[in-house]
Amino acid sequence: MKFPYTTNVCYIINNKNQVLLQKKARGFGAGKWNGPGGKIENGETPEEGTIREVKEETNLDIRNLKKAGKIEFIFTENYDSNNYTYIFVCKDYEGNPKDMGEGELRWYNILEIPLEKMWDDDKYWLLQVLKGEKVSKRFYFDKNGIVIKQENI
């Protein structure tokens, strides 16, 4: 399957076992909490794109990313939003998170993340990733962003 674009998302975990989430300020997914990330630009590896996006959105310098999986997002009524996403987890970073205009940043205890305020698919895989597992999934969404089907890939 071809995708209009490829993205990344990074879950940064601090030494208190908290994960950094961002409440997207605008655009696709506005108002939802997610890990920082975005589109991978031409010529970038997934890791390079993640390092750049996290810096642009949080002002953090990250390194030693751990690949946690990949997800294909299929929006049945909005093909232009379909995307292939690389998932990373990072515990090695420098700096203090700062909202760079992309949305509010907040540390959450892993067992208290606001799944009800995130993308609907997150409840099916995010806790696995934060526990160190890898995922490889495809999610189909209806026009309201609700998962209507999921598959392992």
N, C-alpha and C. Protein backbone atom coordinates (compact mmCIF):
# COMPACT_ATOMS: atom_id res chain seq x y z
N MET A 1 0.84 -1.19 0.00
CA MET A 1 0.00 0.00 0.00
C MET A 1 0.89 1.25 0.00
N LYS A 2 0.51 2.24 -0.76
CA LYS A 2 1.25 3.49 -0.80
C LYS A 2 0.60 4.49 0.16
N PHE A 3 1.44 5.32 0.74
CA PHE A 3 0.96 6.32 1.69
C PHE A 3 1.39 7.71 1.21
N PRO A 4 0.51 8.71 1.39
CA PRO A 4 0.87 10.08 0.98
C PRO A 4 2.13 10.59 1.70
N TYR A 5 2.35 10.13 2.91
CA TYR A 5 3.56 10.56 3.63
C TYR A 5 3.90 9.59 4.74
N THR A 6 5.14 9.73 5.24
CA THR A 6 5.66 8.91 6.33
C THR A 6 5.93 9.82 7.51
N THR A 7 5.60 9.34 8.70
CA THR A 7 5.75 10.15 9.90
C THR A 7 6.52 9.38 10.98
N ASN A 8 6.75 10.08 12.08
CA ASN A 8 7.39 9.47 13.23
C ASN A 8 6.71 9.99 14.49
N VAL A 9 6.83 9.23 15.54
CA VAL A 9 6.37 9.68 16.86
C VAL A 9 7.37 9.14 17.87
N CYS A 10 7.68 9.96 18.87
CA CYS A 10 8.68 9.58 19.85
C CYS A 10 8.11 9.73 21.26
N TYR A 11 8.26 8.69 22.05
CA TYR A 11 7.82 8.72 23.44
C TYR A 11 9.07 8.83 24.31
N ILE A 12 9.26 10.01 24.89
CA ILE A 12 10.42 10.30 25.71
C ILE A 12 10.07 9.97 27.15
N ILE A 13 10.91 9.16 27.78
CA ILE A 13 10.66 8.71 29.14
C ILE A 13 11.76 9.25 30.05
N ASN A 14 11.35 9.89 31.15
CA ASN A 14 12.34 10.45 32.08
C ASN A 14 12.71 9.44 33.16
N ASN A 15 13.60 9.86 34.08
CA ASN A 15 14.08 8.94 35.11
C ASN A 15 13.05 8.70 36.22
N LYS A 16 11.88 9.33 36.14
CA LYS A 16 10.79 9.08 37.08
C LYS A 16 9.75 8.16 36.46
N ASN A 17 10.10 7.55 35.32
CA ASN A 17 9.20 6.68 34.56
C ASN A 17 7.94 7.41 34.10
N GLN A 18 8.13 8.66 33.70
CA GLN A 18 7.05 9.47 33.14
C GLN A 18 7.32 9.65 31.65
N VAL A 19 6.25 9.77 30.87
CA VAL A 19 6.37 9.95 29.43
C VAL A 19 5.93 11.38 29.07
N LEU A 20 6.65 11.98 28.15
CA LEU A 20 6.33 13.34 27.71
C LEU A 20 5.30 13.27 26.59
N LEU A 21 4.17 13.94 26.80
CA LEU A 21 3.13 14.01 25.78
C LEU A 21 2.89 15.47 25.41
N GLN A 22 2.37 15.64 24.21
CA GLN A 22 2.11 16.98 23.67
C GLN A 22 0.65 17.05 23.22
N LYS A 23 -0.03 18.12 23.62
CA LYS A 23 -1.40 18.36 23.18
C LYS A 23 -1.32 19.21 21.92
N LYS A 24 -1.58 18.58 20.79
CA LYS A 24 -1.39 19.24 19.49
C LYS A 24 -2.22 20.52 19.41
N ALA A 25 -1.57 21.62 19.05
CA ALA A 25 -2.21 22.94 19.06
C ALA A 25 -3.09 23.19 17.84
N ARG A 26 -2.73 22.60 16.69
CA ARG A 26 -3.48 22.93 15.46
C ARG A 26 -3.28 21.82 14.43
N GLY A 27 -4.05 21.92 13.36
CA GLY A 27 -3.91 20.97 12.27
C GLY A 27 -4.51 19.62 12.58
N PHE A 28 -4.08 18.62 11.82
CA PHE A 28 -4.59 17.26 11.96
C PHE A 28 -4.30 16.74 13.37
N GLY A 29 -5.32 16.32 14.08
CA GLY A 29 -5.14 15.82 15.44
C GLY A 29 -5.13 16.89 16.50
N ALA A 30 -5.49 18.11 16.15
CA ALA A 30 -5.50 19.21 17.13
C ALA A 30 -6.34 18.83 18.34
N GLY A 31 -5.80 19.14 19.52
CA GLY A 31 -6.51 18.87 20.77
C GLY A 31 -6.24 17.49 21.35
N LYS A 32 -5.59 16.62 20.59
CA LYS A 32 -5.28 15.27 21.08
C LYS A 32 -3.86 15.25 21.66
N TRP A 33 -3.68 14.44 22.69
CA TRP A 33 -2.36 14.21 23.27
C TRP A 33 -1.66 13.12 22.47
N ASN A 34 -0.36 13.28 22.29
CA ASN A 34 0.43 12.32 21.53
C ASN A 34 1.89 12.55 21.88
N GLY A 35 2.75 11.66 21.45
CA GLY A 35 4.17 11.92 21.56
C GLY A 35 4.57 12.93 20.50
N PRO A 36 5.64 13.70 20.72
CA PRO A 36 6.09 14.62 19.68
C PRO A 36 6.56 13.85 18.44
N GLY A 37 6.46 14.49 17.30
CA GLY A 37 6.87 13.88 16.05
C GLY A 37 6.24 14.59 14.88
N GLY A 38 6.40 14.03 13.71
CA GLY A 38 5.83 14.66 12.52
C GLY A 38 6.28 13.98 11.26
N LYS A 39 6.20 14.69 10.16
CA LYS A 39 6.53 14.13 8.85
C LYS A 39 8.05 14.01 8.67
N ILE A 40 8.42 12.91 8.05
CA ILE A 40 9.83 12.70 7.69
C ILE A 40 10.05 13.37 6.34
N GLU A 41 11.09 14.19 6.27
CA GLU A 41 11.37 14.92 5.03
C GLU A 41 12.20 14.07 4.08
N ASN A 42 12.14 14.43 2.78
CA ASN A 42 12.93 13.71 1.77
C ASN A 42 14.40 13.72 2.17
N GLY A 43 15.03 12.55 2.06
CA GLY A 43 16.45 12.43 2.36
C GLY A 43 16.75 12.12 3.81
N GLU A 44 15.76 12.18 4.69
CA GLU A 44 15.98 11.87 6.10
C GLU A 44 15.71 10.39 6.38
N THR A 45 16.48 9.83 7.30
CA THR A 45 16.13 8.52 7.84
C THR A 45 15.02 8.75 8.87
N PRO A 46 14.29 7.71 9.24
CA PRO A 46 13.29 7.88 10.30
C PRO A 46 13.90 8.45 11.59
N GLU A 47 15.10 8.01 11.94
CA GLU A 47 15.75 8.50 13.15
C GLU A 47 16.09 9.99 13.04
N GLU A 48 16.64 10.38 11.89
CA GLU A 48 16.99 11.80 11.69
C GLU A 48 15.74 12.67 11.75
N GLY A 49 14.66 12.22 11.12
CA GLY A 49 13.42 12.98 11.15
C GLY A 49 12.86 13.11 12.55
N THR A 50 13.00 12.06 13.34
CA THR A 50 12.50 12.09 14.72
C THR A 50 13.32 13.05 15.56
N ILE A 51 14.62 13.00 15.44
CA ILE A 51 15.49 13.91 16.20
C ILE A 51 15.16 15.36 15.85
N ARG A 52 14.98 15.64 14.56
CA ARG A 52 14.66 17.00 14.12
C ARG A 52 13.29 17.44 14.64
N GLU A 53 12.28 16.60 14.46
CA GLU A 53 10.93 16.96 14.90
C GLU A 53 10.86 17.19 16.41
N VAL A 54 11.48 16.33 17.18
CA VAL A 54 11.46 16.50 18.64
C VAL A 54 12.13 17.80 19.04
N LYS A 55 13.25 18.13 18.40
CA LYS A 55 13.93 19.39 18.69
C LYS A 55 13.03 20.58 18.34
N GLU A 56 12.40 20.54 17.15
CA GLU A 56 11.54 21.64 16.72
C GLU A 56 10.33 21.82 17.63
N GLU A 57 9.80 20.72 18.16
CA GLU A 57 8.56 20.79 18.94
C GLU A 57 8.76 20.93 20.44
N THR A 58 9.90 20.45 20.96
CA THR A 58 10.09 20.43 22.42
C THR A 58 11.37 21.11 22.89
N ASN A 59 12.27 21.41 21.96
CA ASN A 59 13.60 21.96 22.25
C ASN A 59 14.51 20.95 22.96
N LEU A 60 14.12 19.67 22.98
CA LEU A 60 14.98 18.64 23.58
C LEU A 60 15.91 18.05 22.52
N ASP A 61 17.13 17.74 22.95
CA ASP A 61 18.07 17.02 22.11
C ASP A 61 18.01 15.55 22.52
N ILE A 62 17.57 14.69 21.61
CA ILE A 62 17.43 13.27 21.92
C ILE A 62 18.49 12.47 21.19
N ARG A 63 18.82 11.32 21.74
CA ARG A 63 19.78 10.41 21.11
C ARG A 63 19.52 8.98 21.61
N ASN A 64 20.16 8.03 20.97
CA ASN A 64 20.00 6.61 21.32
C ASN A 64 18.53 6.19 21.28
N LEU A 65 17.89 6.52 20.16
CA LEU A 65 16.48 6.14 19.99
C LEU A 65 16.36 4.64 19.88
N LYS A 66 15.30 4.11 20.44
CA LYS A 66 14.99 2.68 20.33
C LYS A 66 13.77 2.53 19.43
N LYS A 67 13.92 1.74 18.36
CA LYS A 67 12.78 1.48 17.49
C LYS A 67 11.77 0.64 18.26
N ALA A 68 10.53 1.12 18.27
CA ALA A 68 9.48 0.41 19.01
C ALA A 68 8.42 -0.16 18.07
N GLY A 69 8.53 0.12 16.79
CA GLY A 69 7.58 -0.47 15.86
C GLY A 69 7.16 0.48 14.76
N LYS A 70 6.07 0.04 14.11
CA LYS A 70 5.51 0.82 13.00
C LYS A 70 4.01 0.60 12.97
N ILE A 71 3.32 1.63 12.50
CA ILE A 71 1.87 1.55 12.38
C ILE A 71 1.45 2.18 11.06
N GLU A 72 0.52 1.52 10.40
CA GLU A 72 -0.11 2.08 9.21
C GLU A 72 -1.48 2.61 9.64
N PHE A 73 -1.73 3.87 9.34
CA PHE A 73 -3.00 4.52 9.66
C PHE A 73 -3.80 4.69 8.38
N ILE A 74 -4.98 4.09 8.33
CA ILE A 74 -5.84 4.15 7.15
C ILE A 74 -7.13 4.88 7.54
N PHE A 75 -7.35 6.03 6.94
CA PHE A 75 -8.57 6.80 7.18
C PHE A 75 -9.50 6.55 5.99
N THR A 76 -10.55 5.79 6.24
CA THR A 76 -11.39 5.28 5.15
C THR A 76 -12.08 6.38 4.35
N GLU A 77 -12.25 7.55 4.94
CA GLU A 77 -12.93 8.63 4.22
C GLU A 77 -12.04 9.86 3.99
N ASN A 78 -10.73 9.68 4.20
CA ASN A 78 -9.81 10.80 4.01
C ASN A 78 -8.42 10.25 3.66
N TYR A 79 -8.29 9.77 2.43
CA TYR A 79 -7.05 9.13 1.98
C TYR A 79 -5.82 10.01 2.23
N ASP A 80 -5.96 11.32 2.07
CA ASP A 80 -4.82 12.22 2.22
C ASP A 80 -4.21 12.20 3.61
N SER A 81 -4.94 11.70 4.60
CA SER A 81 -4.43 11.61 5.97
C SER A 81 -3.77 10.27 6.27
N ASN A 82 -3.88 9.31 5.35
CA ASN A 82 -3.24 8.02 5.58
C ASN A 82 -1.75 8.23 5.75
N ASN A 83 -1.14 7.49 6.67
CA ASN A 83 0.29 7.61 6.82
C ASN A 83 0.89 6.37 7.44
N TYR A 84 2.18 6.22 7.20
CA TYR A 84 2.99 5.15 7.75
C TYR A 84 3.85 5.80 8.82
N THR A 85 3.79 5.27 10.04
CA THR A 85 4.47 5.92 11.17
C THR A 85 5.49 4.99 11.82
N TYR A 86 6.69 5.52 12.02
CA TYR A 86 7.72 4.84 12.80
C TYR A 86 7.58 5.29 14.25
N ILE A 87 7.64 4.34 15.18
CA ILE A 87 7.50 4.63 16.60
C ILE A 87 8.86 4.45 17.27
N PHE A 88 9.23 5.45 18.07
CA PHE A 88 10.47 5.39 18.82
C PHE A 88 10.22 5.68 20.29
N VAL A 89 11.10 5.12 21.12
CA VAL A 89 11.13 5.43 22.55
C VAL A 89 12.53 5.95 22.84
N CYS A 90 12.61 6.96 23.69
CA CYS A 90 13.90 7.56 24.00
C CYS A 90 13.98 7.87 25.49
N LYS A 91 15.08 7.44 26.11
CA LYS A 91 15.33 7.76 27.53
C LYS A 91 16.58 8.62 27.68
N ASP A 92 17.23 8.94 26.57
CA ASP A 92 18.49 9.67 26.58
C ASP A 92 18.27 11.02 25.90
N TYR A 93 18.18 12.07 26.72
CA TYR A 93 17.91 13.40 26.16
C TYR A 93 18.57 14.46 27.03
N GLU A 94 18.72 15.65 26.45
CA GLU A 94 19.24 16.82 27.18
C GLU A 94 18.27 17.96 27.03
N GLY A 95 18.17 18.76 28.09
CA GLY A 95 17.33 19.94 28.06
C GLY A 95 16.05 19.76 28.85
N ASN A 96 15.30 20.83 28.91
CA ASN A 96 13.99 20.81 29.56
C ASN A 96 12.94 21.06 28.49
N PRO A 97 11.84 20.30 28.51
CA PRO A 97 10.83 20.48 27.47
C PRO A 97 10.27 21.89 27.46
N LYS A 98 10.12 22.43 26.26
CA LYS A 98 9.57 23.77 26.09
C LYS A 98 8.62 23.75 24.90
N ASP A 99 7.40 24.27 25.10
CA ASP A 99 6.44 24.36 23.99
C ASP A 99 6.99 25.36 22.98
N MET A 100 7.28 24.87 21.79
CA MET A 100 7.85 25.70 20.74
C MET A 100 6.76 26.16 19.77
N GLY A 101 5.50 26.14 20.24
CA GLY A 101 4.39 26.59 19.41
C GLY A 101 3.57 25.45 18.83
N GLU A 102 3.99 24.22 19.07
CA GLU A 102 3.27 23.06 18.52
C GLU A 102 2.22 22.52 19.48
N GLY A 103 2.31 22.91 20.76
CA GLY A 103 1.32 22.43 21.72
C GLY A 103 1.90 22.25 23.11
N GLU A 104 1.01 22.28 24.08
CA GLU A 104 1.37 22.11 25.49
C GLU A 104 2.09 20.78 25.69
N LEU A 105 3.13 20.80 26.52
CA LEU A 105 3.89 19.60 26.86
C LEU A 105 3.66 19.27 28.33
N ARG A 106 3.53 17.97 28.61
CA ARG A 106 3.31 17.57 30.00
C ARG A 106 3.85 16.16 30.22
N TRP A 107 4.49 15.96 31.37
CA TRP A 107 4.95 14.63 31.77
C TRP A 107 3.79 13.89 32.43
N TYR A 108 3.58 12.65 32.04
CA TYR A 108 2.54 11.80 32.62
C TYR A 108 3.17 10.53 33.17
N ASN A 109 2.71 10.11 34.36
CA ASN A 109 3.07 8.79 34.83
C ASN A 109 2.52 7.80 33.81
N ILE A 110 3.30 6.79 33.49
CA ILE A 110 2.93 5.89 32.40
C ILE A 110 1.57 5.25 32.62
N LEU A 111 1.24 4.91 33.84
CA LEU A 111 -0.05 4.27 34.09
C LEU A 111 -1.20 5.26 34.20
N GLU A 112 -0.90 6.56 34.02
CA GLU A 112 -1.94 7.59 34.12
C GLU A 112 -2.05 8.43 32.85
N ILE A 113 -1.56 7.91 31.74
CA ILE A 113 -1.65 8.69 30.51
C ILE A 113 -3.13 8.81 30.10
N PRO A 114 -3.49 9.94 29.50
CA PRO A 114 -4.90 10.22 29.19
C PRO A 114 -5.37 9.57 27.89
N LEU A 115 -5.46 8.25 27.89
CA LEU A 115 -5.84 7.53 26.66
C LEU A 115 -7.14 8.03 26.06
N GLU A 116 -8.07 8.47 26.90
CA GLU A 116 -9.36 8.96 26.39
C GLU A 116 -9.22 10.29 25.65
N LYS A 117 -8.07 10.94 25.77
CA LYS A 117 -7.83 12.22 25.09
C LYS A 117 -6.78 12.09 23.99
N MET A 118 -6.52 10.84 23.60
CA MET A 118 -5.52 10.55 22.57
C MET A 118 -6.23 9.94 21.36
N TRP A 119 -5.47 9.60 20.32
CA TRP A 119 -6.05 8.90 19.18
C TRP A 119 -6.63 7.58 19.67
N ASP A 120 -7.74 7.16 19.07
CA ASP A 120 -8.46 5.96 19.50
C ASP A 120 -7.58 4.71 19.46
N ASP A 121 -6.66 4.62 18.51
CA ASP A 121 -5.82 3.43 18.39
C ASP A 121 -4.84 3.26 19.54
N ASP A 122 -4.47 4.36 20.20
CA ASP A 122 -3.44 4.29 21.24
C ASP A 122 -3.78 3.29 22.34
N LYS A 123 -5.04 3.12 22.65
CA LYS A 123 -5.44 2.19 23.71
C LYS A 123 -5.10 0.74 23.37
N TYR A 124 -4.86 0.47 22.08
CA TYR A 124 -4.56 -0.90 21.65
C TYR A 124 -3.08 -1.24 21.65
N TRP A 125 -2.19 -0.24 21.76
CA TRP A 125 -0.77 -0.55 21.62
C TRP A 125 0.18 0.29 22.46
N LEU A 126 -0.19 1.49 22.87
CA LEU A 126 0.78 2.40 23.48
C LEU A 126 1.38 1.86 24.78
N LEU A 127 0.58 1.28 25.65
CA LEU A 127 1.13 0.77 26.91
C LEU A 127 2.14 -0.35 26.66
N GLN A 128 1.92 -1.16 25.62
CA GLN A 128 2.88 -2.20 25.26
C GLN A 128 4.23 -1.57 24.94
N VAL A 129 4.21 -0.53 24.11
CA VAL A 129 5.44 0.14 23.70
C VAL A 129 6.15 0.75 24.91
N LEU A 130 5.39 1.37 25.79
CA LEU A 130 6.00 2.01 26.96
C LEU A 130 6.56 0.99 27.94
N LYS A 131 6.15 -0.27 27.82
CA LYS A 131 6.70 -1.36 28.64
C LYS A 131 7.90 -2.02 27.96
N GLY A 132 8.26 -1.55 26.76
CA GLY A 132 9.43 -2.08 26.08
C GLY A 132 9.14 -3.06 24.97
N GLU A 133 7.87 -3.31 24.68
CA GLU A 133 7.52 -4.24 23.60
C GLU A 133 7.52 -3.51 22.26
N LYS A 134 7.54 -4.29 21.18
CA LYS A 134 7.46 -3.71 19.83
C LYS A 134 6.09 -4.01 19.23
N VAL A 135 5.63 -3.12 18.37
CA VAL A 135 4.34 -3.31 17.71
C VAL A 135 4.50 -3.12 16.20
N SER A 136 3.62 -3.80 15.47
CA SER A 136 3.56 -3.66 14.03
C SER A 136 2.09 -3.87 13.66
N LYS A 137 1.37 -2.76 13.43
CA LYS A 137 -0.08 -2.82 13.28
C LYS A 137 -0.58 -1.93 12.15
N ARG A 138 -1.78 -2.24 11.71
CA ARG A 138 -2.51 -1.41 10.75
C ARG A 138 -3.87 -1.11 11.38
N PHE A 139 -4.24 0.17 11.40
CA PHE A 139 -5.53 0.59 11.94
C PHE A 139 -6.34 1.28 10.86
N TYR A 140 -7.62 0.95 10.82
CA TYR A 140 -8.58 1.60 9.93
C TYR A 140 -9.51 2.45 10.79
N PHE A 141 -9.75 3.69 10.37
CA PHE A 141 -10.56 4.63 11.12
C PHE A 141 -11.79 5.05 10.33
N ASP A 142 -12.88 5.33 11.05
CA ASP A 142 -14.05 5.91 10.39
C ASP A 142 -13.87 7.43 10.31
N LYS A 143 -14.89 8.12 9.81
CA LYS A 143 -14.78 9.57 9.62
C LYS A 143 -14.64 10.34 10.92
N ASN A 144 -14.98 9.71 12.06
CA ASN A 144 -14.87 10.35 13.37
C ASN A 144 -13.57 10.00 14.09
N GLY A 145 -12.67 9.28 13.42
CA GLY A 145 -11.39 8.92 14.04
C GLY A 145 -11.49 7.74 15.00
N ILE A 146 -12.54 6.93 14.87
CA ILE A 146 -12.71 5.75 15.72
C ILE A 146 -12.19 4.53 14.96
N VAL A 147 -11.45 3.66 15.65
CA VAL A 147 -10.93 2.45 15.03
C VAL A 147 -12.09 1.52 14.67
N ILE A 148 -12.13 1.13 13.40
CA ILE A 148 -13.16 0.18 12.96
C ILE A 148 -12.57 -1.20 12.66
N LYS A 149 -11.24 -1.26 12.53
CA LYS A 149 -10.58 -2.52 12.26
C LYS A 149 -9.10 -2.36 12.57
N GLN A 150 -8.50 -3.44 13.06
CA GLN A 150 -7.05 -3.45 13.27
C GLN A 150 -6.48 -4.79 12.85
N GLU A 151 -5.23 -4.75 12.38
CA GLU A 151 -4.55 -5.95 11.94
C GLU A 151 -3.09 -5.88 12.39
N ASN A 152 -2.52 -7.06 12.65
CA ASN A 152 -1.08 -7.12 12.85
C ASN A 152 -0.44 -7.20 11.47
N ILE A 153 0.68 -6.53 11.28
CA ILE A 153 1.38 -6.59 9.98
C ILE A 153 2.81 -7.03 10.17
